[in-house]
Full PDB file with SEQRES, HELIX, SHEET, SSBOND, CRYST1, ORIGX, SCALE, CONECT and MASTER records, all heavy atoms in Angstrom:
SEQRES   1 A   41  SER GLY GLY CYS PRO VAL THR GLU ASP ILE ALA ASP ARG          
SEQRES   2 A   41  LEU VAL ARG LEU PRO LEU PHE ALA ASP LEU ASP GLU ALA          
SEQRES   3 A   41  ASP MET THR HIS VAL ILE ASP ALA VAL GLN THR TYR ARG          
SEQRES   4 A   41  VAL SER                                                      
HELIX    1 AA1 PRO A    5  ARG A   13  1                                   9    
HELIX    2 AA2 GLU A   25  GLN A   36  1                                  12    
CRYST1    1.000    1.000    1.000  90.00  90.00  90.00 P 1           1          
ORIGX1      1.000000  0.000000  0.000000        0.00000                         
ORIGX2      0.000000  1.000000  0.000000        0.00000                         
ORIGX3      0.000000  0.000000  1.000000        0.00000                         
SCALE1      1.000000  0.000000  0.000000        0.00000                         
SCALE2      0.000000  1.000000  0.000000        0.00000                         
SCALE3      0.000000  0.000000  1.000000        0.00000                         
ATOM      1  N   SER A   1     -54.343 -77.671 143.996  1.00  0.00           N  
ATOM      2  CA  SER A   1     -55.045 -76.542 143.393  1.00  0.00           C  
ATOM      3  C   SER A   1     -54.059 -75.640 142.641  1.00  0.00           C  
ATOM      4  O   SER A   1     -52.973 -75.340 143.138  1.00  0.00           O  
ATOM      5  CB  SER A   1     -55.755 -75.737 144.483  1.00  0.00           C  
ATOM      6  OG  SER A   1     -56.381 -74.600 143.945  1.00  0.00           O  
ATOM      7  N   GLY A   2     -54.439 -75.253 141.449  1.00  0.00           N  
ATOM      8  CA  GLY A   2     -53.569 -74.410 140.639  1.00  0.00           C  
ATOM      9  C   GLY A   2     -52.767 -75.187 139.624  1.00  0.00           C  
ATOM     10  O   GLY A   2     -52.159 -74.608 138.725  1.00  0.00           O  
ATOM     11  N   GLY A   3     -52.760 -76.523 139.761  1.00  0.00           N  
ATOM     12  CA  GLY A   3     -52.052 -77.345 138.793  1.00  0.00           C  
ATOM     13  C   GLY A   3     -50.547 -77.244 138.924  1.00  0.00           C  
ATOM     14  O   GLY A   3     -50.014 -76.739 139.915  1.00  0.00           O  
ATOM     15  N   CYS A   4     -49.855 -77.700 137.908  1.00  0.00           N  
ATOM     16  CA  CYS A   4     -48.387 -77.712 137.906  1.00  0.00           C  
ATOM     17  C   CYS A   4     -47.856 -77.145 136.591  1.00  0.00           C  
ATOM     18  O   CYS A   4     -47.156 -77.839 135.826  1.00  0.00           O  
ATOM     19  CB  CYS A   4     -47.866 -79.130 138.118  1.00  0.00           C  
ATOM     20  SG  CYS A   4     -48.365 -79.898 139.671  1.00  0.00           S  
ATOM     21  N   PRO A   5     -48.164 -75.886 136.283  1.00  0.00           N  
ATOM     22  CA  PRO A   5     -47.734 -75.316 134.998  1.00  0.00           C  
ATOM     23  C   PRO A   5     -46.218 -75.196 134.850  1.00  0.00           C  
ATOM     24  O   PRO A   5     -45.684 -75.363 133.748  1.00  0.00           O  
ATOM     25  CB  PRO A   5     -48.403 -73.938 134.975  1.00  0.00           C  
ATOM     26  CG  PRO A   5     -48.659 -73.613 136.416  1.00  0.00           C  
ATOM     27  CD  PRO A   5     -48.966 -74.926 137.069  1.00  0.00           C  
ATOM     28  N   VAL A   6     -45.515 -74.918 135.953  1.00  0.00           N  
ATOM     29  CA  VAL A   6     -44.054 -74.808 135.865  1.00  0.00           C  
ATOM     30  C   VAL A   6     -43.448 -76.172 135.538  1.00  0.00           C  
ATOM     31  O   VAL A   6     -42.557 -76.287 134.696  1.00  0.00           O  
ATOM     32  CB  VAL A   6     -43.468 -74.246 137.174  1.00  0.00           C  
ATOM     33  CG1 VAL A   6     -41.937 -74.205 137.097  1.00  0.00           C  
ATOM     34  CG2 VAL A   6     -44.020 -72.867 137.460  1.00  0.00           C  
ATOM     35  N   THR A   7     -43.944 -77.218 136.193  1.00  0.00           N  
ATOM     36  CA  THR A   7     -43.460 -78.569 135.928  1.00  0.00           C  
ATOM     37  C   THR A   7     -43.649 -78.935 134.461  1.00  0.00           C  
ATOM     38  O   THR A   7     -42.739 -79.482 133.824  1.00  0.00           O  
ATOM     39  CB  THR A   7     -44.212 -79.580 136.819  1.00  0.00           C  
ATOM     40  OG1 THR A   7     -43.930 -79.287 138.189  1.00  0.00           O  
ATOM     41  CG2 THR A   7     -43.785 -81.004 136.507  1.00  0.00           C  
ATOM     42  N   GLU A   8     -44.822 -78.647 133.901  1.00  0.00           N  
ATOM     43  CA  GLU A   8     -45.101 -78.975 132.508  1.00  0.00           C  
ATOM     44  C   GLU A   8     -44.156 -78.218 131.577  1.00  0.00           C  
ATOM     45  O   GLU A   8     -43.671 -78.772 130.582  1.00  0.00           O  
ATOM     46  CB  GLU A   8     -46.559 -78.661 132.186  1.00  0.00           C  
ATOM     47  CG  GLU A   8     -47.538 -79.558 132.936  1.00  0.00           C  
ATOM     48  CD  GLU A   8     -48.986 -79.131 132.743  1.00  0.00           C  
ATOM     49  OE1 GLU A   8     -49.263 -78.377 131.783  1.00  0.00           O  
ATOM     50  OE2 GLU A   8     -49.838 -79.553 133.547  1.00  0.00           O  
ATOM     51  N   ASP A   9     -43.884 -76.979 131.905  1.00  0.00           N  
ATOM     52  CA  ASP A   9     -42.982 -76.162 131.087  1.00  0.00           C  
ATOM     53  C   ASP A   9     -41.547 -76.665 131.180  1.00  0.00           C  
ATOM     54  O   ASP A   9     -40.874 -76.853 130.158  1.00  0.00           O  
ATOM     55  CB  ASP A   9     -43.065 -74.706 131.552  1.00  0.00           C  
ATOM     56  CG  ASP A   9     -42.080 -73.809 130.829  1.00  0.00           C  
ATOM     57  OD1 ASP A   9     -42.146 -73.716 129.593  1.00  0.00           O  
ATOM     58  OD2 ASP A   9     -41.225 -73.207 131.512  1.00  0.00           O  
ATOM     59  N   ILE A  10     -41.070 -76.914 132.391  1.00  0.00           N  
ATOM     60  CA  ILE A  10     -39.694 -77.363 132.610  1.00  0.00           C  
ATOM     61  C   ILE A  10     -39.433 -78.704 131.930  1.00  0.00           C  
ATOM     62  O   ILE A  10     -38.397 -78.919 131.296  1.00  0.00           O  
ATOM     63  CB  ILE A  10     -39.406 -77.468 134.127  1.00  0.00           C  
ATOM     64  CG1 ILE A  10     -39.385 -76.099 134.787  1.00  0.00           C  
ATOM     65  CG2 ILE A  10     -38.091 -78.212 134.379  1.00  0.00           C  
ATOM     66  CD1 ILE A  10     -38.341 -75.157 134.263  1.00  0.00           C  
ATOM     67  N   ALA A  11     -40.380 -79.624 132.067  1.00  0.00           N  
ATOM     68  CA  ALA A  11     -40.204 -80.966 131.516  1.00  0.00           C  
ATOM     69  C   ALA A  11     -40.011 -80.939 130.003  1.00  0.00           C  
ATOM     70  O   ALA A  11     -39.328 -81.806 129.445  1.00  0.00           O  
ATOM     71  CB  ALA A  11     -41.405 -81.835 131.876  1.00  0.00           C  
ATOM     72  N   ASP A  12     -40.595 -79.951 129.346  1.00  0.00           N  
ATOM     73  CA  ASP A  12     -40.474 -79.837 127.887  1.00  0.00           C  
ATOM     74  C   ASP A  12     -39.162 -79.198 127.443  1.00  0.00           C  
ATOM     75  O   ASP A  12     -38.803 -79.293 126.262  1.00  0.00           O  
ATOM     76  CB  ASP A  12     -41.625 -78.989 127.332  1.00  0.00           C  
ATOM     77  CG  ASP A  12     -42.914 -79.770 127.184  1.00  0.00           C  
ATOM     78  OD1 ASP A  12     -42.873 -81.008 127.296  1.00  0.00           O  
ATOM     79  OD2 ASP A  12     -43.961 -79.134 126.952  1.00  0.00           O  
ATOM     80  N   ARG A  13     -38.453 -78.543 128.360  1.00  0.00           N  
ATOM     81  CA  ARG A  13     -37.315 -77.732 127.942  1.00  0.00           C  
ATOM     82  C   ARG A  13     -35.963 -78.208 128.456  1.00  0.00           C  
ATOM     83  O   ARG A  13     -34.920 -77.734 128.028  1.00  0.00           O  
ATOM     84  CB  ARG A  13     -37.526 -76.280 128.392  1.00  0.00           C  
ATOM     85  CG  ARG A  13     -38.758 -75.631 127.803  1.00  0.00           C  
ATOM     86  CD  ARG A  13     -38.784 -74.133 127.988  1.00  0.00           C  
ATOM     87  NE  ARG A  13     -38.977 -73.709 129.366  1.00  0.00           N  
ATOM     88  CZ  ARG A  13     -38.104 -72.996 130.071  1.00  0.00           C  
ATOM     89  NH1 ARG A  13     -36.936 -72.651 129.536  1.00  0.00           N  
ATOM     90  NH2 ARG A  13     -38.372 -72.634 131.302  1.00  0.00           N  
ATOM     91  N   LEU A  14     -35.961 -79.166 129.386  1.00  0.00           N  
ATOM     92  CA  LEU A  14     -34.727 -79.539 130.076  1.00  0.00           C  
ATOM     93  C   LEU A  14     -33.914 -80.572 129.294  1.00  0.00           C  
ATOM     94  O   LEU A  14     -34.455 -81.542 128.766  1.00  0.00           O  
ATOM     95  CB  LEU A  14     -35.064 -80.076 131.465  1.00  0.00           C  
ATOM     96  CG  LEU A  14     -33.892 -80.338 132.408  1.00  0.00           C  
ATOM     97  CD1 LEU A  14     -34.290 -79.995 133.842  1.00  0.00           C  
ATOM     98  CD2 LEU A  14     -33.429 -81.782 132.345  1.00  0.00           C  
ATOM     99  N   VAL A  15     -32.598 -80.361 129.262  1.00  0.00           N  
ATOM    100  CA  VAL A  15     -31.642 -81.303 128.660  1.00  0.00           C  
ATOM    101  C   VAL A  15     -30.504 -81.519 129.643  1.00  0.00           C  
ATOM    102  O   VAL A  15     -29.952 -80.559 130.192  1.00  0.00           O  
ATOM    103  CB  VAL A  15     -31.059 -80.766 127.337  1.00  0.00           C  
ATOM    104  CG1 VAL A  15     -30.029 -81.747 126.772  1.00  0.00           C  
ATOM    105  CG2 VAL A  15     -32.156 -80.528 126.317  1.00  0.00           C  
ATOM    106  N   ARG A  16     -30.140 -82.791 129.864  1.00  0.00           N  
ATOM    107  CA  ARG A  16     -29.003 -83.115 130.722  1.00  0.00           C  
ATOM    108  C   ARG A  16     -27.793 -83.451 129.856  1.00  0.00           C  
ATOM    109  O   ARG A  16     -27.887 -84.238 128.901  1.00  0.00           O  
ATOM    110  CB  ARG A  16     -29.337 -84.303 131.622  1.00  0.00           C  
ATOM    111  CG  ARG A  16     -30.397 -84.015 132.665  1.00  0.00           C  
ATOM    112  CD  ARG A  16     -30.707 -85.247 133.495  1.00  0.00           C  
ATOM    113  NE  ARG A  16     -31.373 -86.276 132.708  1.00  0.00           N  
ATOM    114  CZ  ARG A  16     -31.430 -87.557 133.055  1.00  0.00           C  
ATOM    115  NH1 ARG A  16     -30.831 -87.976 134.161  1.00  0.00           N  
ATOM    116  NH2 ARG A  16     -32.065 -88.424 132.292  1.00  0.00           N  
ATOM    117  N   LEU A  17     -26.648 -82.875 130.212  1.00  0.00           N  
ATOM    118  CA  LEU A  17     -25.400 -83.146 129.500  1.00  0.00           C  
ATOM    119  C   LEU A  17     -24.652 -84.299 130.164  1.00  0.00           C  
ATOM    120  O   LEU A  17     -24.871 -84.600 131.339  1.00  0.00           O  
ATOM    121  CB  LEU A  17     -24.512 -81.893 129.512  1.00  0.00           C  
ATOM    122  CG  LEU A  17     -25.073 -80.646 128.829  1.00  0.00           C  
ATOM    123  CD1 LEU A  17     -24.041 -79.512 128.911  1.00  0.00           C  
ATOM    124  CD2 LEU A  17     -25.460 -80.912 127.388  1.00  0.00           C  
ATOM    125  N   PRO A  18     -23.761 -84.955 129.452  1.00  0.00           N  
ATOM    126  CA  PRO A  18     -22.953 -86.019 130.068  1.00  0.00           C  
ATOM    127  C   PRO A  18     -22.191 -85.488 131.282  1.00  0.00           C  
ATOM    128  O   PRO A  18     -21.577 -84.419 131.225  1.00  0.00           O  
ATOM    129  CB  PRO A  18     -21.984 -86.414 128.947  1.00  0.00           C  
ATOM    130  CG  PRO A  18     -22.683 -86.041 127.683  1.00  0.00           C  
ATOM    131  CD  PRO A  18     -23.449 -84.788 128.016  1.00  0.00           C  
ATOM    132  N   LEU A  19     -22.252 -86.233 132.372  1.00  0.00           N  
ATOM    133  CA  LEU A  19     -21.523 -85.863 133.578  1.00  0.00           C  
ATOM    134  C   LEU A  19     -21.216 -87.128 134.368  1.00  0.00           C  
ATOM    135  O   LEU A  19     -22.124 -87.800 134.854  1.00  0.00           O  
ATOM    136  CB  LEU A  19     -22.330 -84.888 134.446  1.00  0.00           C  
ATOM    137  CG  LEU A  19     -21.676 -84.440 135.753  1.00  0.00           C  
ATOM    138  CD1 LEU A  19     -20.355 -83.740 135.488  1.00  0.00           C  
ATOM    139  CD2 LEU A  19     -22.598 -83.514 136.534  1.00  0.00           C  
ATOM    140  N   PHE A  20     -19.932 -87.449 134.458  1.00  0.00           N  
ATOM    141  CA  PHE A  20     -19.498 -88.622 135.222  1.00  0.00           C  
ATOM    142  C   PHE A  20     -18.056 -88.411 135.645  1.00  0.00           C  
ATOM    143  O   PHE A  20     -17.356 -87.526 135.123  1.00  0.00           O  
ATOM    144  CB  PHE A  20     -19.661 -89.917 134.408  1.00  0.00           C  
ATOM    145  CG  PHE A  20     -19.209 -89.827 132.974  1.00  0.00           C  
ATOM    146  CD1 PHE A  20     -17.887 -90.072 132.628  1.00  0.00           C  
ATOM    147  CD2 PHE A  20     -20.106 -89.507 131.962  1.00  0.00           C  
ATOM    148  CE1 PHE A  20     -17.468 -90.002 131.302  1.00  0.00           C  
ATOM    149  CE2 PHE A  20     -19.699 -89.438 130.628  1.00  0.00           C  
ATOM    150  CZ  PHE A  20     -18.374 -89.691 130.297  1.00  0.00           C  
ATOM    151  N   ALA A  21     -17.609 -89.196 136.615  1.00  0.00           N  
ATOM    152  CA  ALA A  21     -16.298 -88.964 137.230  1.00  0.00           C  
ATOM    153  C   ALA A  21     -15.148 -89.091 136.241  1.00  0.00           C  
ATOM    154  O   ALA A  21     -14.118 -88.429 136.393  1.00  0.00           O  
ATOM    155  CB  ALA A  21     -16.091 -89.928 138.393  1.00  0.00           C  
ATOM    156  N   ASP A  22     -15.292 -89.943 135.232  1.00  0.00           N  
ATOM    157  CA  ASP A  22     -14.215 -90.163 134.274  1.00  0.00           C  
ATOM    158  C   ASP A  22     -14.353 -89.319 133.007  1.00  0.00           C  
ATOM    159  O   ASP A  22     -13.729 -89.607 131.987  1.00  0.00           O  
ATOM    160  CB  ASP A  22     -14.151 -91.650 133.897  1.00  0.00           C  
ATOM    161  CG  ASP A  22     -13.775 -92.517 135.082  1.00  0.00           C  
ATOM    162  OD1 ASP A  22     -13.129 -91.993 136.022  1.00  0.00           O  
ATOM    163  OD2 ASP A  22     -14.138 -93.703 135.096  1.00  0.00           O  
ATOM    164  N   LEU A  23     -15.158 -88.264 133.082  1.00  0.00           N  
ATOM    165  CA  LEU A  23     -15.271 -87.326 131.966  1.00  0.00           C  
ATOM    166  C   LEU A  23     -13.976 -86.516 131.912  1.00  0.00           C  
ATOM    167  O   LEU A  23     -13.728 -85.655 132.755  1.00  0.00           O  
ATOM    168  CB  LEU A  23     -16.469 -86.402 132.192  1.00  0.00           C  
ATOM    169  CG  LEU A  23     -16.864 -85.481 131.039  1.00  0.00           C  
ATOM    170  CD1 LEU A  23     -17.589 -86.268 129.945  1.00  0.00           C  
ATOM    171  CD2 LEU A  23     -17.770 -84.356 131.543  1.00  0.00           C  
ATOM    172  N   ASP A  24     -13.126 -86.816 130.930  1.00  0.00           N  
ATOM    173  CA  ASP A  24     -11.819 -86.154 130.895  1.00  0.00           C  
ATOM    174  C   ASP A  24     -11.891 -84.836 130.128  1.00  0.00           C  
ATOM    175  O   ASP A  24     -12.941 -84.440 129.607  1.00  0.00           O  
ATOM    176  CB  ASP A  24     -10.760 -87.078 130.301  1.00  0.00           C  
ATOM    177  CG  ASP A  24     -11.073 -87.528 128.880  1.00  0.00           C  
ATOM    178  OD1 ASP A  24     -11.792 -86.803 128.157  1.00  0.00           O  
ATOM    179  OD2 ASP A  24     -10.598 -88.611 128.486  1.00  0.00           O  
ATOM    180  N   GLU A  25     -10.759 -84.152 130.047  1.00  0.00           N  
ATOM    181  CA  GLU A  25     -10.719 -82.827 129.429  1.00  0.00           C  
ATOM    182  C   GLU A  25     -11.111 -82.886 127.952  1.00  0.00           C  
ATOM    183  O   GLU A  25     -11.819 -81.997 127.458  1.00  0.00           O  
ATOM    184  CB  GLU A  25      -9.328 -82.229 129.578  1.00  0.00           C  
ATOM    185  CG  GLU A  25      -9.233 -80.786 129.102  1.00  0.00           C  
ATOM    186  CD  GLU A  25      -7.880 -80.156 129.381  1.00  0.00           C  
ATOM    187  OE1 GLU A  25      -7.091 -80.762 130.132  1.00  0.00           O  
ATOM    188  OE2 GLU A  25      -7.623 -79.059 128.849  1.00  0.00           O  
ATOM    189  N   ALA A  26     -10.681 -83.929 127.263  1.00  0.00           N  
ATOM    190  CA  ALA A  26     -11.029 -84.064 125.845  1.00  0.00           C  
ATOM    191  C   ALA A  26     -12.530 -84.261 125.664  1.00  0.00           C  
ATOM    192  O   ALA A  26     -13.146 -83.696 124.752  1.00  0.00           O  
ATOM    193  CB  ALA A  26     -10.266 -85.229 125.228  1.00  0.00           C  
ATOM    194  N   ASP A  27     -13.131 -85.081 126.541  1.00  0.00           N  
ATOM    195  CA  ASP A  27     -14.582 -85.282 126.501  1.00  0.00           C  
ATOM    196  C   ASP A  27     -15.311 -83.961 126.731  1.00  0.00           C  
ATOM    197  O   ASP A  27     -16.248 -83.607 126.005  1.00  0.00           O  
ATOM    198  CB  ASP A  27     -15.024 -86.275 127.575  1.00  0.00           C  
ATOM    199  CG  ASP A  27     -14.621 -87.708 127.281  1.00  0.00           C  
ATOM    200  OD1 ASP A  27     -14.448 -88.039 126.095  1.00  0.00           O  
ATOM    201  OD2 ASP A  27     -14.491 -88.488 128.241  1.00  0.00           O  
ATOM    202  N   MET A  28     -14.877 -83.236 127.760  1.00  0.00           N  
ATOM    203  CA  MET A  28     -15.541 -81.977 128.095  1.00  0.00           C  
ATOM    204  C   MET A  28     -15.430 -80.979 126.959  1.00  0.00           C  
ATOM    205  O   MET A  28     -16.400 -80.308 126.598  1.00  0.00           O  
ATOM    206  CB  MET A  28     -14.931 -81.375 129.360  1.00  0.00           C  
ATOM    207  CG  MET A  28     -15.431 -81.983 130.637  1.00  0.00           C  
ATOM    208  SD  MET A  28     -15.073 -80.901 132.036  1.00  0.00           S  
ATOM    209  CE  MET A  28     -15.947 -79.431 131.567  1.00  0.00           C  
ATOM    210  N   THR A  29     -14.243 -80.869 126.402  1.00  0.00           N  
ATOM    211  CA  THR A  29     -14.044 -79.936 125.291  1.00  0.00           C  
ATOM    212  C   THR A  29     -14.950 -80.289 124.124  1.00  0.00           C  
ATOM    213  O   THR A  29     -15.542 -79.411 123.486  1.00  0.00           O  
ATOM    214  CB  THR A  29     -12.579 -79.956 124.840  1.00  0.00           C  
ATOM    215  OG1 THR A  29     -11.745 -79.547 125.932  1.00  0.00           O  
ATOM    216  CG2 THR A  29     -12.354 -79.011 123.661  1.00  0.00           C  
ATOM    217  N   HIS A  30     -15.076 -81.587 123.855  1.00  0.00           N  
ATOM    218  CA  HIS A  30     -15.927 -82.028 122.752  1.00  0.00           C  
ATOM    219  C   HIS A  30     -17.392 -81.673 123.021  1.00  0.00           C  
ATOM    220  O   HIS A  30     -18.093 -81.193 122.115  1.00  0.00           O  
ATOM    221  CB  HIS A  30     -15.786 -83.540 122.555  1.00  0.00           C  
ATOM    222  CG  HIS A  30     -16.522 -84.061 121.365  1.00  0.00           C  
ATOM    223  ND1 HIS A  30     -16.117 -83.802 120.065  1.00  0.00           N  
ATOM    224  CD2 HIS A  30     -17.647 -84.814 121.271  1.00  0.00           C  
ATOM    225  CE1 HIS A  30     -16.961 -84.381 119.225  1.00  0.00           C  
ATOM    226  NE2 HIS A  30     -17.892 -84.994 119.935  1.00  0.00           N  
ATOM    227  N   VAL A  31     -17.858 -81.900 124.248  1.00  0.00           N  
ATOM    228  CA  VAL A  31     -19.245 -81.569 124.578  1.00  0.00           C  
ATOM    229  C   VAL A  31     -19.472 -80.067 124.480  1.00  0.00           C  
ATOM    230  O   VAL A  31     -20.461 -79.607 123.879  1.00  0.00           O  
ATOM    231  CB  VAL A  31     -19.605 -82.068 125.999  1.00  0.00           C  
ATOM    232  CG1 VAL A  31     -21.009 -81.602 126.392  1.00  0.00           C  
ATOM    233  CG2 VAL A  31     -19.521 -83.585 126.079  1.00  0.00           C  
ATOM    234  N   ILE A  32     -18.579 -79.288 125.050  1.00  0.00           N  
ATOM    235  CA  ILE A  32     -18.726 -77.823 125.045  1.00  0.00           C  
ATOM    236  C   ILE A  32     -18.732 -77.295 123.618  1.00  0.00           C  
ATOM    237  O   ILE A  32     -19.562 -76.440 123.254  1.00  0.00           O  
ATOM    238  CB  ILE A  32     -17.615 -77.175 125.886  1.00  0.00           C  
ATOM    239  CG1 ILE A  32     -17.845 -77.477 127.371  1.00  0.00           C  
ATOM    240  CG2 ILE A  32     -17.561 -75.663 125.650  1.00  0.00           C  
ATOM    241  CD1 ILE A  32     -16.664 -77.154 128.262  1.00  0.00           C  
ATOM    242  N   ASP A  33     -17.832 -77.786 122.784  1.00  0.00           N  
ATOM    243  CA  ASP A  33     -17.798 -77.348 121.389  1.00  0.00           C  
ATOM    244  C   ASP A  33     -19.099 -77.694 120.674  1.00  0.00           C  
ATOM    245  O   ASP A  33     -19.627 -76.891 119.891  1.00  0.00           O  
ATOM    246  CB  ASP A  33     -16.620 -78.001 120.653  1.00  0.00           C  
ATOM    247  CG  ASP A  33     -15.269 -77.418 121.068  1.00  0.00           C  
ATOM    248  OD1 ASP A  33     -15.277 -76.350 121.719  1.00  0.00           O  
ATOM    249  OD2 ASP A  33     -14.238 -78.027 120.752  1.00  0.00           O  
ATOM    250  N   ALA A  34     -19.622 -78.909 120.946  1.00  0.00           N  
ATOM    251  CA  ALA A  34     -20.878 -79.316 120.310  1.00  0.00           C  
ATOM    252  C   ALA A  34     -22.032 -78.424 120.748  1.00  0.00           C  
ATOM    253  O   ALA A  34     -22.872 -78.023 119.925  1.00  0.00           O  
ATOM    254  CB  ALA A  34     -21.165 -80.772 120.638  1.00  0.00           C  
ATOM    255  N   VAL A  35     -22.085 -78.087 122.028  1.00  0.00           N  
ATOM    256  CA  VAL A  35     -23.141 -77.215 122.527  1.00  0.00           C  
ATOM    257  C   VAL A  35     -23.041 -75.835 121.886  1.00  0.00           C  
ATOM    258  O   VAL A  35     -24.039 -75.266 121.434  1.00  0.00           O  
ATOM    259  CB  VAL A  35     -23.061 -77.093 124.056  1.00  0.00           C  
ATOM    260  CG1 VAL A  35     -24.009 -76.005 124.570  1.00  0.00           C  
ATOM    261  CG2 VAL A  35     -23.404 -78.424 124.719  1.00  0.00           C  
ATOM    262  N   GLN A  36     -21.839 -75.306 121.834  1.00  0.00           N  
ATOM    263  CA  GLN A  36     -21.660 -73.932 121.373  1.00  0.00           C  
ATOM    264  C   GLN A  36     -21.899 -73.748 119.881  1.00  0.00           C  
ATOM    265  O   GLN A  36     -22.044 -72.609 119.414  1.00  0.00           O  
ATOM    266  CB  GLN A  36     -20.264 -73.436 121.743  1.00  0.00           C  
ATOM    267  CG  GLN A  36     -20.084 -73.238 123.246  1.00  0.00           C  
ATOM    268  CD  GLN A  36     -18.665 -72.847 123.633  1.00  0.00           C  
ATOM    269  OE1 GLN A  36     -17.707 -73.163 122.917  1.00  0.00           O  
ATOM    270  NE2 GLN A  36     -18.522 -72.171 124.758  1.00  0.00           N  
ATOM    271  N   THR A  37     -21.973 -74.831 119.139  1.00  0.00           N  
ATOM    272  CA  THR A  37     -22.290 -74.708 117.711  1.00  0.00           C  
ATOM    273  C   THR A  37     -23.789 -74.722 117.447  1.00  0.00           C  
ATOM    274  O   THR A  37     -24.218 -74.575 116.292  1.00  0.00           O  
ATOM    275  CB  THR A  37     -21.627 -75.844 116.897  1.00  0.00           C  
ATOM    276  OG1 THR A  37     -22.044 -77.106 117.425  1.00  0.00           O  
ATOM    277  CG2 THR A  37     -20.111 -75.739 116.936  1.00  0.00           C  
ATOM    278  N   TYR A  38     -24.594 -74.896 118.492  1.00  0.00           N  
ATOM    279  CA  TYR A  38     -26.048 -74.850 118.320  1.00  0.00           C  
ATOM    280  C   TYR A  38     -26.528 -73.416 118.476  1.00  0.00           C  
ATOM    281  O   TYR A  38     -26.111 -72.689 119.386  1.00  0.00           O  
ATOM    282  CB  TYR A  38     -26.761 -75.739 119.333  1.00  0.00           C  
ATOM    283  CG  TYR A  38     -28.268 -75.731 119.167  1.00  0.00           C  
ATOM    284  CD1 TYR A  38     -28.852 -76.490 118.167  1.00  0.00           C  
ATOM    285  CD2 TYR A  38     -29.079 -74.931 119.974  1.00  0.00           C  
ATOM    286  CE1 TYR A  38     -30.234 -76.477 117.991  1.00  0.00           C  
ATOM    287  CE2 TYR A  38     -30.460 -74.917 119.805  1.00  0.00           C  
ATOM    288  CZ  TYR A  38     -31.018 -75.695 118.813  1.00  0.00           C  
ATOM    289  OH  TYR A  38     -32.381 -75.668 118.619  1.00  0.00           O  
ATOM    290  N   ARG A  39     -27.441 -73.028 117.615  1.00  0.00           N  
ATOM    291  CA  ARG A  39     -28.055 -71.701 117.691  1.00  0.00           C  
ATOM    292  C   ARG A  39     -29.562 -71.869 117.862  1.00  0.00           C  
ATOM    293  O   ARG A  39     -30.207 -72.560 117.075  1.00  0.00           O  
ATOM    294  CB  ARG A  39     -27.775 -70.894 116.423  1.00  0.00           C  
ATOM    295  CG  ARG A  39     -26.304 -70.570 116.201  1.00  0.00           C  
ATOM    296  CD  ARG A  39     -25.762 -69.603 117.263  1.00  0.00           C  
ATOM    297  NE  ARG A  39     -24.329 -69.345 117.070  1.00  0.00           N  
ATOM    298  CZ  ARG A  39     -23.363 -70.008 117.668  1.00  0.00           C  
ATOM    299  NH1 ARG A  39     -23.675 -70.994 118.522  1.00  0.00           N  
ATOM    300  NH2 ARG A  39     -22.107 -69.711 117.443  1.00  0.00           N  
ATOM    301  N   VAL A  40     -30.082 -71.250 118.894  1.00  0.00           N  
ATOM    302  CA  VAL A  40     -31.509 -71.323 119.145  1.00  0.00           C  
ATOM    303  C   VAL A  40     -32.267 -70.636 118.024  1.00  0.00           C  
ATOM    304  O   VAL A  40     -31.915 -69.530 117.595  1.00  0.00           O  
ATOM    305  CB  VAL A  40     -31.846 -70.676 120.502  1.00  0.00           C  
ATOM    306  CG1 VAL A  40     -33.362 -70.492 120.657  1.00  0.00           C  
ATOM    307  CG2 VAL A  40     -31.286 -71.505 121.640  1.00  0.00           C  
ATOM    308  N   SER A  41     -33.290 -71.319 117.513  1.00  0.00           N  
ATOM    309  CA  SER A  41     -34.066 -70.759 116.392  1.00  0.00           C  
ATOM    310  C   SER A  41     -35.145 -69.803 116.897  1.00  0.00           C  
ATOM    311  O   SER A  41     -35.583 -69.893 118.034  1.00  0.00           O  
ATOM    312  CB  SER A  41     -34.703 -71.894 115.601  1.00  0.00           C  
ATOM    313  OG  SER A  41     -35.546 -72.675 116.427  1.00  0.00           O  
TER     314      SER A  41                                                      
MASTER        0    0    0    2    0    0    0    6  313    1    0    4          
END                                                                             
């Protein structure tokens, strides 16, 4: 009862970033730089 409005909202907005044990500093820096160049419209 009441449905799942939060689930529907979250599913549309969630993004997972690369994360694994061999993610080195260069990989992380590249991902962070790529994220930080995005501007929400």
